[in-house]
Amino acid sequence: MKITFKLFANLTDYLPTERKYNAIELDVASTTTIGDLVSRFNLPEKQVHLVLINGVYVEPPLRPTCVLQEGDVVAIWPPVAGG
């Protein structure tokens, strides 16, 4: 199935170089979870701060087992500071 995977800020460095801006289209198995994507792209756990699926926040305890659906847009942000 196809999904869109977006990374923001310094996490974009973990995407392949052939990406379009900060997003890539992925073909994944129907059993793929957010945790699988984090592992697949070697994202540092401490940098996976804000996770949204189709604009809906996914709480940290649910991420390892949250199974994705066809057409989902997964977006991940690192912790951000500023002011």
PDB file of N, CA and C in Angstrom:
ATOM      1  N   MET A   1       0.841  -1.176   0.000  1.00  0.00           N
ATOM      2  CA  MET A   1       0.000   0.000   0.000  1.00  0.00           C
ATOM      3  C   MET A   1       0.885   1.238   0.000  1.00  0.00           C
ATOM      4  N   LYS A   2       0.338   2.357  -0.434  1.00  0.00           N
ATOM      5  CA  LYS A   2       1.110   3.593  -0.525  1.00  0.00           C
ATOM      6  C   LYS A   2       0.760   4.543   0.613  1.00  0.00           C
ATOM      7  N   ILE A   3       1.820   5.174   1.153  1.00  0.00           N
ATOM      8  CA  ILE A   3       1.667   6.216   2.170  1.00  0.00           C
ATOM      9  C   ILE A   3       2.611   7.361   1.821  1.00  0.00           C
ATOM     10  N   THR A   4       2.413   8.494   2.465  1.00  0.00           N
ATOM     11  CA  THR A   4       3.343   9.615   2.360  1.00  0.00           C
ATOM     12  C   THR A   4       4.023   9.760   3.710  1.00  0.00           C
ATOM     13  N   PHE A   5       5.333   9.895   3.689  1.00  0.00           N
ATOM     14  CA  PHE A   5       6.133  10.006   4.901  1.00  0.00           C
ATOM     15  C   PHE A   5       6.857  11.344   4.876  1.00  0.00           C
ATOM     16  N   LYS A   6       6.586  12.180   5.888  1.00  0.00           N
ATOM     17  CA  LYS A   6       7.182  13.513   5.963  1.00  0.00           C
ATOM     18  C   LYS A   6       8.001  13.652   7.236  1.00  0.00           C
ATOM     19  N   LEU A   7       9.177  14.226   7.085  1.00  0.00           N
ATOM     20  CA  LEU A   7      10.014  14.540   8.230  1.00  0.00           C
ATOM     21  C   LEU A   7      10.315  16.031   8.198  1.00  0.00           C
ATOM     22  N   PHE A   8      10.435  16.629   9.377  1.00  0.00           N
ATOM     23  CA  PHE A   8      10.625  18.064   9.476  1.00  0.00           C
ATOM     24  C   PHE A   8      11.911  18.413  10.217  1.00  0.00           C
ATOM     25  N   ALA A   9      12.355  19.662   9.979  1.00  0.00           N
ATOM     26  CA  ALA A   9      13.557  20.214  10.607  1.00  0.00           C
ATOM     27  C   ALA A   9      14.754  19.305  10.317  1.00  0.00           C
ATOM     28  N   ASN A  10      15.580  19.036  11.325  1.00  0.00           N
ATOM     29  CA  ASN A  10      16.807  18.259  11.101  1.00  0.00           C
ATOM     30  C   ASN A  10      16.538  16.795  10.767  1.00  0.00           C
ATOM     31  N   LEU A  11      15.325  16.311  10.950  1.00  0.00           N
ATOM     32  CA  LEU A  11      15.014  14.920  10.619  1.00  0.00           C
ATOM     33  C   LEU A  11      14.991  14.672   9.112  1.00  0.00           C
ATOM     34  N   THR A  12      14.840  15.728   8.309  1.00  0.00           N
ATOM     35  CA  THR A  12      14.816  15.516   6.859  1.00  0.00           C
ATOM     36  C   THR A  12      16.108  14.881   6.346  1.00  0.00           C
ATOM     37  N   ASP A  13      17.188  15.028   7.096  1.00  0.00           N
ATOM     38  CA  ASP A  13      18.458  14.406   6.703  1.00  0.00           C
ATOM     39  C   ASP A  13      18.371  12.882   6.659  1.00  0.00           C
ATOM     40  N   TYR A  14      17.375  12.309   7.293  1.00  0.00           N
ATOM     41  CA  TYR A  14      17.217  10.851   7.317  1.00  0.00           C
ATOM     42  C   TYR A  14      16.453  10.322   6.101  1.00  0.00           C
ATOM     43  N   LEU A  15      15.902  11.211   5.298  1.00  0.00           N
ATOM     44  CA  LEU A  15      15.202  10.789   4.087  1.00  0.00           C
ATOM     45  C   LEU A  15      16.207  10.562   2.962  1.00  0.00           C
ATOM     46  N   PRO A  16      15.852   9.727   1.990  1.00  0.00           N
ATOM     47  CA  PRO A  16      16.753   9.525   0.846  1.00  0.00           C
ATOM     48  C   PRO A  16      16.969  10.836   0.081  1.00  0.00           C
ATOM     49  N   THR A  17      18.076  10.943  -0.615  1.00  0.00           N
ATOM     50  CA  THR A  17      18.396  12.173  -1.338  1.00  0.00           C
ATOM     51  C   THR A  17      17.429  12.437  -2.484  1.00  0.00           C
ATOM     52  N   GLU A  18      16.756  11.424  -3.003  1.00  0.00           N
ATOM     53  CA  GLU A  18      15.825  11.621  -4.115  1.00  0.00           C
ATOM     54  C   GLU A  18      14.442  12.072  -3.649  1.00  0.00           C
ATOM     55  N   ARG A  19      14.360  12.556  -2.440  1.00  0.00           N
ATOM     56  CA  ARG A  19      13.092  13.021  -1.894  1.00  0.00           C
ATOM     57  C   ARG A  19      12.627  14.295  -2.583  1.00  0.00           C
ATOM     58  N   LYS A  20      11.357  14.584  -2.426  1.00  0.00           N
ATOM     59  CA  LYS A  20      10.800  15.837  -2.900  1.00  0.00           C
ATOM     60  C   LYS A  20      10.549  16.684  -1.671  1.00  0.00           C
ATOM     61  N   TYR A  21      11.398  17.678  -1.460  1.00  0.00           N
ATOM     62  CA  TYR A  21      11.341  18.525  -0.270  1.00  0.00           C
ATOM     63  C   TYR A  21      11.522  17.667   0.980  1.00  0.00           C
ATOM     64  N   ASN A  22      10.500  17.607   1.839  1.00  0.00           N
ATOM     65  CA  ASN A  22      10.643  16.858   3.090  1.00  0.00           C
ATOM     66  C   ASN A  22       9.774  15.605   3.112  1.00  0.00           C
ATOM     67  N   ALA A  23       9.299  15.163   1.946  1.00  0.00           N
ATOM     68  CA  ALA A  23       8.366  14.037   1.903  1.00  0.00           C
ATOM     69  C   ALA A  23       8.757  13.027   0.832  1.00  0.00           C
ATOM     70  N   ILE A  24       8.370  11.777   1.100  1.00  0.00           N
ATOM     71  CA  ILE A  24       8.534  10.721   0.099  1.00  0.00           C
ATOM     72  C   ILE A  24       7.279   9.859   0.097  1.00  0.00           C
ATOM     73  N   GLU A  25       7.010   9.292  -1.062  1.00  0.00           N
ATOM     74  CA  GLU A  25       5.943   8.301  -1.189  1.00  0.00           C
ATOM     75  C   GLU A  25       6.585   6.941  -0.932  1.00  0.00           C
ATOM     76  N   LEU A  26       5.932   6.130  -0.130  1.00  0.00           N
ATOM     77  CA  LEU A  26       6.466   4.810   0.187  1.00  0.00           C
ATOM     78  C   LEU A  26       5.442   3.733  -0.132  1.00  0.00           C
ATOM     79  N   ASP A  27       5.937   2.604  -0.587  1.00  0.00           N
ATOM     80  CA  ASP A  27       5.137   1.398  -0.718  1.00  0.00           C
ATOM     81  C   ASP A  27       5.472   0.547   0.493  1.00  0.00           C
ATOM     82  N   VAL A  28       4.502   0.290   1.364  1.00  0.00           N
ATOM     83  CA  VAL A  28       4.763  -0.457   2.592  1.00  0.00           C
ATOM     84  C   VAL A  28       3.777  -1.614   2.726  1.00  0.00           C
ATOM     85  N   ALA A  29       4.122  -2.560   3.569  1.00  0.00           N
ATOM     86  CA  ALA A  29       3.236  -3.687   3.855  1.00  0.00           C
ATOM     87  C   ALA A  29       2.016  -3.202   4.641  1.00  0.00           C
ATOM     88  N   SER A  30       0.935  -3.932   4.549  1.00  0.00           N
ATOM     89  CA  SER A  30      -0.306  -3.554   5.240  1.00  0.00           C
ATOM     90  C   SER A  30      -0.189  -3.673   6.758  1.00  0.00           C
ATOM     91  N   THR A  31       0.896  -4.223   7.237  1.00  0.00           N
ATOM     92  CA  THR A  31       1.110  -4.372   8.682  1.00  0.00           C
ATOM     93  C   THR A  31       2.083  -3.338   9.239  1.00  0.00           C
ATOM     94  N   THR A  32       2.511  -2.390   8.410  1.00  0.00           N
ATOM     95  CA  THR A  32       3.521  -1.407   8.807  1.00  0.00           C
ATOM     96  C   THR A  32       2.988  -0.483   9.908  1.00  0.00           C
ATOM     97  N   THR A  33       3.826  -0.262  10.924  1.00  0.00           N
ATOM     98  CA  THR A  33       3.491   0.633  12.034  1.00  0.00           C
ATOM     99  C   THR A  33       4.387   1.867  11.996  1.00  0.00           C
ATOM    100  N   ILE A  34       4.052   2.841  12.818  1.00  0.00           N
ATOM    101  CA  ILE A  34       4.918   4.012  12.962  1.00  0.00           C
ATOM    102  C   ILE A  34       6.295   3.566  13.455  1.00  0.00           C
ATOM    103  N   GLY A  35       6.302   2.651  14.399  1.00  0.00           N
ATOM    104  CA  GLY A  35       7.568   2.121  14.914  1.00  0.00           C
ATOM    105  C   GLY A  35       8.423   1.506  13.812  1.00  0.00           C
ATOM    106  N   ASP A  36       7.779   0.834  12.857  1.00  0.00           N
ATOM    107  CA  ASP A  36       8.519   0.256  11.726  1.00  0.00           C
ATOM    108  C   ASP A  36       9.197   1.344  10.900  1.00  0.00           C
ATOM    109  N   LEU A  37       8.493   2.454  10.661  1.00  0.00           N
ATOM    110  CA  LEU A  37       9.071   3.555   9.889  1.00  0.00           C
ATOM    111  C   LEU A  37      10.243   4.194  10.626  1.00  0.00           C
ATOM    112  N   VAL A  38      10.088   4.376  11.934  1.00  0.00           N
ATOM    113  CA  VAL A  38      11.168   4.954  12.745  1.00  0.00           C
ATOM    114  C   VAL A  38      12.413   4.067  12.638  1.00  0.00           C
ATOM    115  N   SER A  39      12.226   2.766  12.716  1.00  0.00           N
ATOM    116  CA  SER A  39      13.354   1.827  12.595  1.00  0.00           C
ATOM    117  C   SER A  39      13.940   1.817  11.188  1.00  0.00           C
ATOM    118  N   ARG A  40      13.069   1.767  10.198  1.00  0.00           N
ATOM    119  CA  ARG A  40      13.506   1.691   8.797  1.00  0.00           C
ATOM    120  C   ARG A  40      14.403   2.867   8.417  1.00  0.00           C
ATOM    121  N   PHE A  41      14.088   4.058   8.933  1.00  0.00           N
ATOM    122  CA  PHE A  41      14.860   5.243   8.589  1.00  0.00           C
ATOM    123  C   PHE A  41      15.883   5.618   9.656  1.00  0.00           C
ATOM    124  N   ASN A  42      16.073   4.735  10.645  1.00  0.00           N
ATOM    125  CA  ASN A  42      17.076   4.934  11.704  1.00  0.00           C
ATOM    126  C   ASN A  42      16.913   6.268  12.422  1.00  0.00           C
ATOM    127  N   LEU A  43      15.669   6.653  12.680  1.00  0.00           N
ATOM    128  CA  LEU A  43      15.421   7.907  13.382  1.00  0.00           C
ATOM    129  C   LEU A  43      15.758   7.740  14.856  1.00  0.00           C
ATOM    130  N   PRO A  44      16.510   8.666  15.432  1.00  0.00           N
ATOM    131  CA  PRO A  44      16.810   8.586  16.865  1.00  0.00           C
ATOM    132  C   PRO A  44      15.518   8.752  17.672  1.00  0.00           C
ATOM    133  N   GLU A  45      15.240   7.808  18.547  1.00  0.00           N
ATOM    134  CA  GLU A  45      13.998   7.827  19.333  1.00  0.00           C
ATOM    135  C   GLU A  45      13.774   9.160  20.038  1.00  0.00           C
ATOM    136  N   LYS A  46      14.834   9.752  20.569  1.00  0.00           N
ATOM    137  CA  LYS A  46      14.693  11.021  21.292  1.00  0.00           C
ATOM    138  C   LYS A  46      14.331  12.180  20.373  1.00  0.00           C
ATOM    139  N   GLN A  47      14.518  12.002  19.066  1.00  0.00           N
ATOM    140  CA  GLN A  47      14.177  13.041  18.097  1.00  0.00           C
ATOM    141  C   GLN A  47      12.768  12.884  17.519  1.00  0.00           C
ATOM    142  N   VAL A  48      12.135  11.763  17.807  1.00  0.00           N
ATOM    143  CA  VAL A  48      10.764  11.530  17.331  1.00  0.00           C
ATOM    144  C   VAL A  48       9.831  12.076  18.398  1.00  0.00           C
ATOM    145  N   HIS A  49       9.484  13.350  18.253  1.00  0.00           N
ATOM    146  CA  HIS A  49       8.753  14.045  19.304  1.00  0.00           C
ATOM    147  C   HIS A  49       7.260  14.156  18.995  1.00  0.00           C
ATOM    148  N   LEU A  50       6.921  14.783  17.894  1.00  0.00           N
ATOM    149  CA  LEU A  50       5.531  14.992  17.517  1.00  0.00           C
ATOM    150  C   LEU A  50       5.240  14.128  16.300  1.00  0.00           C
ATOM    151  N   VAL A  51       4.251  13.236  16.416  1.00  0.00           N
ATOM    152  CA  VAL A  51       3.892  12.352  15.309  1.00  0.00           C
ATOM    153  C   VAL A  51       2.411  12.541  15.002  1.00  0.00           C
ATOM    154  N   LEU A  52       2.139  12.788  13.722  1.00  0.00           N
ATOM    155  CA  LEU A  52       0.756  12.938  13.262  1.00  0.00           C
ATOM    156  C   LEU A  52       0.487  11.958  12.133  1.00  0.00           C
ATOM    157  N   ILE A  53      -0.711  11.388  12.129  1.00  0.00           N
ATOM    158  CA  ILE A  53      -1.203  10.620  10.989  1.00  0.00           C
ATOM    159  C   ILE A  53      -2.423  11.365  10.478  1.00  0.00           C
ATOM    160  N   ASN A  54      -2.329  11.830   9.239  1.00  0.00           N
ATOM    161  CA  ASN A  54      -3.419  12.602   8.632  1.00  0.00           C
ATOM    162  C   ASN A  54      -3.834  13.774   9.511  1.00  0.00           C
ATOM    163  N   GLY A  55      -2.838  14.401  10.148  1.00  0.00           N
ATOM    164  CA  GLY A  55      -3.089  15.568  10.972  1.00  0.00           C
ATOM    165  C   GLY A  55      -3.570  15.283  12.380  1.00  0.00           C
ATOM    166  N   VAL A  56      -3.634  14.006  12.768  1.00  0.00           N
ATOM    167  CA  VAL A  56      -4.104  13.625  14.101  1.00  0.00           C
ATOM    168  C   VAL A  56      -2.914  13.134  14.931  1.00  0.00           C
ATOM    169  N   TYR A  57      -2.758  13.728  16.111  1.00  0.00           N
ATOM    170  CA  TYR A  57      -1.654  13.391  17.014  1.00  0.00           C
ATOM    171  C   TYR A  57      -1.725  11.936  17.461  1.00  0.00           C
ATOM    172  N   VAL A  58      -0.562  11.266  17.449  1.00  0.00           N
ATOM    173  CA  VAL A  58      -0.450   9.888  17.939  1.00  0.00           C
ATOM    174  C   VAL A  58       0.424   9.921  19.189  1.00  0.00           C
ATOM    175  N   GLU A  59      -0.129   9.502  20.309  1.00  0.00           N
ATOM    176  CA  GLU A  59       0.603   9.518  21.574  1.00  0.00           C
ATOM    177  C   GLU A  59       1.749   8.511  21.559  1.00  0.00           C
ATOM    178  N   PRO A  60       2.854   8.834  22.248  1.00  0.00           N
ATOM    179  CA  PRO A  60       4.037   7.962  22.239  1.00  0.00           C
ATOM    180  C   PRO A  60       3.767   6.485  22.549  1.00  0.00           C
ATOM    181  N   PRO A  61       2.943   6.131  23.541  1.00  0.00           N
ATOM    182  CA  PRO A  61       2.756   4.702  23.814  1.00  0.00           C
ATOM    183  C   PRO A  61       2.083   3.933  22.667  1.00  0.00           C
ATOM    184  N   LEU A  62       1.358   4.634  21.798  1.00  0.00           N
ATOM    185  CA  LEU A  62       0.636   3.978  20.700  1.00  0.00           C
ATOM    186  C   LEU A  62       1.482   3.813  19.440  1.00  0.00           C
ATOM    187  N   ARG A  63       2.564   4.541  19.345  1.00  0.00           N
ATOM    188  CA  ARG A  63       3.351   4.577  18.107  1.00  0.00           C
ATOM    189  C   ARG A  63       3.938   3.238  17.671  1.00  0.00           C
ATOM    190  N   PRO A  64       4.473   2.430  18.580  1.00  0.00           N
ATOM    191  CA  PRO A  64       5.073   1.168  18.130  1.00  0.00           C
ATOM    192  C   PRO A  64       4.074   0.204  17.497  1.00  0.00           C
ATOM    193  N   THR A  65       2.808   0.314  17.855  1.00  0.00           N
ATOM    194  CA  THR A  65       1.819  -0.649  17.366  1.00  0.00           C
ATOM    195  C   THR A  65       0.738  -0.032  16.477  1.00  0.00           C
ATOM    196  N   CYS A  66       0.818   1.260  16.203  1.00  0.00           N
ATOM    197  CA  CYS A  66      -0.182   1.947  15.379  1.00  0.00           C
ATOM    198  C   CYS A  66       0.019   1.558  13.909  1.00  0.00           C
ATOM    199  N   VAL A  67      -0.899   0.734  13.377  1.00  0.00           N
ATOM    200  CA  VAL A  67      -0.791   0.239  12.007  1.00  0.00           C
ATOM    201  C   VAL A  67      -1.324   1.283  11.030  1.00  0.00           C
ATOM    202  N   LEU A  68      -0.564   1.507   9.981  1.00  0.00           N
ATOM    203  CA  LEU A  68      -0.922   2.507   8.977  1.00  0.00           C
ATOM    204  C   LEU A  68      -1.930   1.950   7.981  1.00  0.00           C
ATOM    205  N   GLN A  69      -2.634   2.872   7.321  1.00  0.00           N
ATOM    206  CA  GLN A  69      -3.641   2.517   6.320  1.00  0.00           C
ATOM    207  C   GLN A  69      -3.258   3.103   4.965  1.00  0.00           C
ATOM    208  N   GLU A  70      -3.802   2.539   3.904  1.00  0.00           N
ATOM    209  CA  GLU A  70      -3.586   3.044   2.548  1.00  0.00           C
ATOM    210  C   GLU A  70      -3.857   4.548   2.496  1.00  0.00           C
ATOM    211  N   GLY A  71      -2.917   5.297   1.917  1.00  0.00           N
ATOM    212  CA  GLY A  71      -3.092   6.729   1.728  1.00  0.00           C
ATOM    213  C   GLY A  71      -2.750   7.601   2.924  1.00  0.00           C
ATOM    214  N   ASP A  72      -2.357   7.002   4.041  1.00  0.00           N
ATOM    215  CA  ASP A  72      -2.012   7.796   5.223  1.00  0.00           C
ATOM    216  C   ASP A  72      -0.847   8.740   4.933  1.00  0.00           C
ATOM    217  N   VAL A  73      -0.879   9.877   5.614  1.00  0.00           N
ATOM    218  CA  VAL A  73       0.237  10.818   5.604  1.00  0.00           C
ATOM    219  C   VAL A  73       0.799  10.833   7.021  1.00  0.00           C
ATOM    220  N   VAL A  74       2.031  10.381   7.157  1.00  0.00           N
ATOM    221  CA  VAL A  74       2.711  10.325   8.451  1.00  0.00           C
ATOM    222  C   VAL A  74       3.709  11.477   8.513  1.00  0.00           C
ATOM    223  N   ALA A  75       3.603  12.298   9.535  1.00  0.00           N
ATOM    224  CA  ALA A  75       4.496  13.456   9.687  1.00  0.00           C
ATOM    225  C   ALA A  75       5.150  13.389  11.069  1.00  0.00           C
ATOM    226  N   ILE A  76       6.467  13.597  11.094  1.00  0.00           N
ATOM    227  CA  ILE A  76       7.221  13.526  12.344  1.00  0.00           C
ATOM    228  C   ILE A  76       8.091  14.772  12.501  1.00  0.00           C
ATOM    229  N   TRP A  77       8.009  15.389  13.687  1.00  0.00           N
ATOM    230  CA  TRP A  77       8.820  16.554  14.041  1.00  0.00           C
ATOM    231  C   TRP A  77       9.730  16.220  15.211  1.00  0.00           C
ATOM    232  N   PRO A  78      10.922  16.798  15.245  1.00  0.00           N
ATOM    233  CA  PRO A  78      11.777  16.668  16.416  1.00  0.00           C
ATOM    234  C   PRO A  78      11.329  17.673  17.475  1.00  0.00           C
ATOM    235  N   PRO A  79      11.883  17.584  18.683  1.00  0.00           N
ATOM    236  CA  PRO A  79      11.605  18.630  19.679  1.00  0.00           C
ATOM    237  C   PRO A  79      12.091  19.973  19.125  1.00  0.00           C
ATOM    238  N   VAL A  80      11.338  21.007  19.376  1.00  0.00           N
ATOM    239  CA  VAL A  80      11.691  22.325  18.858  1.00  0.00           C
ATOM    240  C   VAL A  80      11.701  23.332  20.019  1.00  0.00           C
ATOM    241  N   ALA A  81      12.669  24.207  19.997  1.00  0.00           N
ATOM    242  CA  ALA A  81      12.732  25.261  21.011  1.00  0.00           C
ATOM    243  C   ALA A  81      12.856  26.602  20.300  1.00  0.00           C
ATOM    244  N   GLY A  82      12.414  27.597  20.934  1.00  0.00           N
ATOM    245  CA  GLY A  82      12.525  28.915  20.332  1.00  0.00           C
ATOM    246  C   GLY A  82      11.727  29.913  21.142  1.00  0.00           C
ATOM    247  N   GLY A  83      11.689  31.108  20.636  1.00  0.00           N
ATOM    248  CA  GLY A  83      10.917  32.085  21.369  1.00  0.00           C
ATOM    249  C   GLY A  83      11.222  33.482  20.955  1.00  0.00           C
TER     250      GLY A  83
END
